Amino acid sequence: MKLNKTLAVAIIACMPFTAFADDPRAEFDVAEDISRFVFAPAPVFDDGMPAYGNPFVTQGYIYPAGTLEGGVEGTLPNGDPAFPDLVIGEWTCDGFFVGDGMRTETGAIVMTRQIYRFDDGDLLISHGPELADIGTTITRAVTGGTGDYAGGPHTLNQTLLGMSEGYGVRLQIELGQEDATTGG
């Protein structure tokens, strides 16, 4: 009988990780606070906008999925969240401009690391390209996580919902479900 209990525990421990399928944070939106976007003084174009190779850092707010659909802005002109009661965390992004820098019209515009810090203390970290193409989804590598995200999926899908007037991004994030069904 003891062997059967041990075997049952071992089988359960090897089952695919499925917590993300019903997790309310398996999908969420990000709104950049453009007042916290800073980039290096060089390289830049003649108009001062970041060119290829320019490093930057920025931050913003994490909202529940669907908050920013339909062109809704997630930040106010002064940088405050548009929906303070809905904020579920803070987003930090750093990286480098690629392509044609800030003039990129299609394809990869930046290569970044993104850190999603949720109000409960959980972290999710991803690395990869970001596209200039609105409405196009790109897969990014999940390179770390803590709390609910420790041992989680290996990928996430990011869709650029649009840009604010000051070039602040609005993103939709969906955690990769391939890991929840295949254990991969």
Protein backbone atom coordinates (compact mmCIF):
# COMPACT_ATOMS: atom_id res chain seq x y z
CA MET A 1 0.00 0.00 0.00
CA LYS A 2 2.82 2.43 0.84
CA LEU A 3 4.35 1.83 -2.59
CA ASN A 4 1.05 2.77 -4.27
CA LYS A 5 0.87 6.06 -2.33
CA THR A 6 4.46 6.87 -3.25
CA LEU A 7 3.75 6.04 -6.88
CA ALA A 8 0.64 8.24 -6.86
CA VAL A 9 2.59 11.17 -5.42
CA ALA A 10 5.33 10.70 -8.04
CA ILE A 11 2.77 10.62 -10.87
CA ILE A 12 1.07 13.79 -9.62
CA ALA A 13 4.43 15.54 -9.29
CA CYS A 14 5.24 14.74 -12.94
CA MET A 15 1.93 15.95 -14.34
CA PRO A 16 2.08 19.00 -16.64
CA PHE A 17 1.98 22.35 -14.89
CA THR A 18 -1.59 23.61 -15.38
CA ALA A 19 -1.98 26.44 -12.89
CA PHE A 20 -1.88 29.10 -15.62
CA ALA A 21 -4.95 27.84 -17.46
CA ASP A 22 -7.28 29.33 -14.84
CA ASP A 23 -4.97 32.00 -13.40
CA PRO A 24 -6.50 35.47 -13.76
CA ARG A 25 -2.99 36.76 -14.47
CA ALA A 26 -2.37 34.38 -17.37
CA GLU A 27 -3.34 37.39 -19.47
CA PHE A 28 -2.88 41.07 -18.67
CA ASP A 29 -2.40 44.49 -20.24
CA VAL A 30 0.50 46.94 -19.89
CA ALA A 31 0.36 50.72 -20.25
CA GLU A 32 3.65 52.60 -20.45
CA ASP A 33 4.04 55.77 -18.42
CA ILE A 34 5.85 57.82 -21.05
CA SER A 35 7.04 60.27 -18.38
CA ARG A 36 9.36 57.48 -17.16
CA PHE A 37 10.83 56.67 -20.59
CA VAL A 38 14.47 57.74 -20.79
CA PHE A 39 17.07 56.99 -23.43
CA ALA A 40 20.75 57.73 -23.90
CA PRO A 41 21.94 60.98 -25.50
CA ALA A 42 23.53 58.96 -28.34
CA PRO A 43 23.08 57.49 -30.83
CA VAL A 44 20.16 59.65 -31.96
CA PHE A 45 18.83 61.00 -35.23
CA ASP A 46 19.12 64.71 -36.12
CA ASP A 47 15.69 65.28 -34.52
CA GLY A 48 16.92 63.77 -31.22
CA MET A 49 14.92 60.54 -31.48
CA PRO A 50 16.70 57.26 -30.58
CA ALA A 51 18.62 55.57 -33.40
CA TYR A 52 19.88 51.99 -33.74
CA GLY A 53 21.79 50.86 -30.64
CA ASN A 54 20.35 53.48 -28.27
CA PRO A 55 19.75 52.02 -24.78
CA PHE A 56 16.64 52.95 -22.79
CA VAL A 57 14.58 52.20 -19.68
CA THR A 58 10.88 52.78 -19.06
CA GLN A 59 8.11 51.80 -16.68
CA GLY A 60 4.35 51.54 -16.61
CA TYR A 61 1.30 49.87 -15.13
CA ILE A 62 -0.09 46.35 -15.32
CA TYR A 63 -3.87 46.02 -15.67
CA PRO A 64 -6.24 43.05 -15.90
CA ALA A 65 -6.64 41.66 -19.42
CA GLY A 66 -9.02 43.65 -21.60
CA THR A 67 -8.61 46.96 -19.76
CA LEU A 68 -6.89 48.61 -22.73
CA GLU A 69 -8.90 47.07 -25.58
CA GLY A 70 -10.48 49.37 -28.12
CA GLY A 71 -7.77 52.03 -27.96
CA VAL A 72 -8.22 52.87 -24.27
CA GLU A 73 -5.24 54.75 -22.83
CA GLY A 74 -3.86 53.36 -19.57
CA THR A 75 -2.03 56.49 -18.40
CA LEU A 76 -3.00 60.10 -17.95
CA PRO A 77 -0.90 62.89 -19.54
CA ASN A 78 0.83 63.46 -16.16
CA GLY A 79 1.90 59.78 -15.98
CA ASP A 80 -0.64 58.64 -13.39
CA PRO A 81 -2.59 55.45 -14.10
CA ALA A 82 -5.89 56.11 -15.88
CA PHE A 83 -7.53 53.40 -13.77
CA PRO A 84 -5.75 53.41 -10.38
CA ASP A 85 -8.20 50.96 -8.82
CA LEU A 86 -7.44 48.41 -11.56
CA VAL A 87 -3.62 48.51 -11.39
CA ILE A 88 -2.30 45.04 -10.45
CA GLY A 89 1.41 45.72 -10.74
CA GLU A 90 4.31 47.65 -12.23
CA TRP A 91 6.09 46.97 -15.52
CA THR A 92 9.75 47.80 -16.10
CA CYS A 93 11.39 47.48 -19.49
CA ASP A 94 14.96 48.08 -20.60
CA GLY A 95 16.71 47.38 -23.85
CA PHE A 96 18.14 48.68 -27.09
CA PHE A 97 16.66 50.13 -30.24
CA VAL A 98 17.24 48.01 -33.36
CA GLY A 99 15.98 48.22 -36.94
CA ASP A 100 15.82 51.89 -37.86
CA GLY A 101 15.55 53.00 -34.23
CA MET A 102 12.48 55.06 -33.39
CA ARG A 103 11.81 55.41 -37.16
CA THR A 104 11.15 51.67 -37.52
CA GLU A 105 7.77 51.18 -39.19
CA THR A 106 7.56 47.39 -39.29
CA GLY A 107 9.35 44.48 -37.65
CA ALA A 108 11.54 44.57 -34.57
CA ILE A 109 12.00 48.07 -33.14
CA VAL A 110 13.64 47.12 -29.81
CA MET A 111 15.18 44.12 -28.05
CA THR A 112 14.16 44.17 -24.41
CA ARG A 113 13.99 42.63 -20.98
CA GLN A 114 10.61 43.14 -19.32
CA ILE A 115 9.94 42.67 -15.63
CA TYR A 116 6.33 42.37 -14.51
CA ARG A 117 6.14 42.98 -10.74
CA PHE A 118 2.70 42.17 -9.41
CA ASP A 119 1.25 43.75 -6.28
CA ASP A 120 1.34 40.39 -4.45
CA GLY A 121 5.13 40.28 -4.92
CA ASP A 122 5.25 37.76 -7.78
CA LEU A 123 7.64 38.49 -10.65
CA LEU A 124 7.66 37.44 -14.28
CA ILE A 125 10.62 38.21 -16.56
CA SER A 126 10.72 37.99 -20.36
CA HIS A 127 13.32 38.73 -23.04
CA GLY A 128 13.02 39.23 -26.76
CA PRO A 129 12.03 41.50 -29.60
CA GLU A 130 9.16 43.96 -29.66
CA LEU A 131 7.45 44.84 -32.89
CA ALA A 132 6.48 48.21 -34.34
CA ASP A 133 3.46 46.52 -35.93
CA ILE A 134 0.17 47.24 -34.16
CA GLY A 135 -1.99 44.16 -33.71
CA THR A 136 0.75 41.66 -34.55
CA THR A 137 1.62 39.08 -31.91
CA ILE A 138 5.20 38.05 -31.19
CA THR A 139 6.43 35.26 -28.92
CA ARG A 140 8.98 36.18 -26.24
CA ALA A 141 11.02 33.93 -23.96
CA VAL A 142 10.05 33.78 -20.30
CA THR A 143 13.41 33.72 -18.55
CA GLY A 144 12.37 33.74 -14.92
CA GLY A 145 9.68 34.12 -12.35
CA THR A 146 8.87 33.94 -8.67
CA GLY A 147 5.77 33.01 -6.70
CA ASP A 148 3.01 31.85 -9.02
CA TYR A 149 5.41 32.22 -11.96
CA ALA A 150 8.22 30.02 -10.62
CA GLY A 151 8.50 27.04 -12.96
CA GLY A 152 5.83 28.50 -15.22
CA PRO A 153 5.56 28.66 -18.99
CA HIS A 154 8.62 29.19 -21.19
CA THR A 155 7.01 31.72 -23.51
CA LEU A 156 4.53 34.55 -23.62
CA ASN A 157 2.78 36.25 -26.49
CA GLN A 158 2.89 40.03 -26.73
CA THR A 159 0.67 42.17 -28.94
CA LEU A 160 1.17 45.89 -29.42
CA LEU A 161 -2.29 47.43 -29.01
CA GLY A 162 -1.06 50.86 -30.03
CA MET A 163 0.92 53.87 -28.94
CA SER A 164 -0.11 56.92 -26.96
CA GLU A 165 0.44 60.38 -28.46
CA GLY A 166 3.79 60.51 -26.65
CA TYR A 167 4.86 57.09 -28.03
CA GLY A 168 3.94 55.15 -24.89
CA VAL A 169 3.15 51.52 -25.70
CA ARG A 170 -0.02 49.68 -24.81
CA LEU A 171 0.55 45.92 -24.73
CA GLN A 172 -1.50 42.78 -24.32
CA ILE A 173 0.33 39.85 -22.72
CA GLU A 174 -0.77 36.22 -22.77
CA LEU A 175 1.30 33.52 -21.11
CA GLY A 176 2.25 30.62 -23.36
CA GLN A 177 -0.22 27.81 -22.92
CA GLU A 178 1.97 25.19 -24.60
CA ASP A 179 3.57 24.49 -21.23
CA ALA A 180 0.24 24.03 -19.50
CA THR A 181 -0.78 21.27 -21.91
CA THR A 182 2.51 19.65 -22.85
CA GLY A 183 4.68 20.25 -19.83
CA GLY A 184 7.27 21.79 -22.21
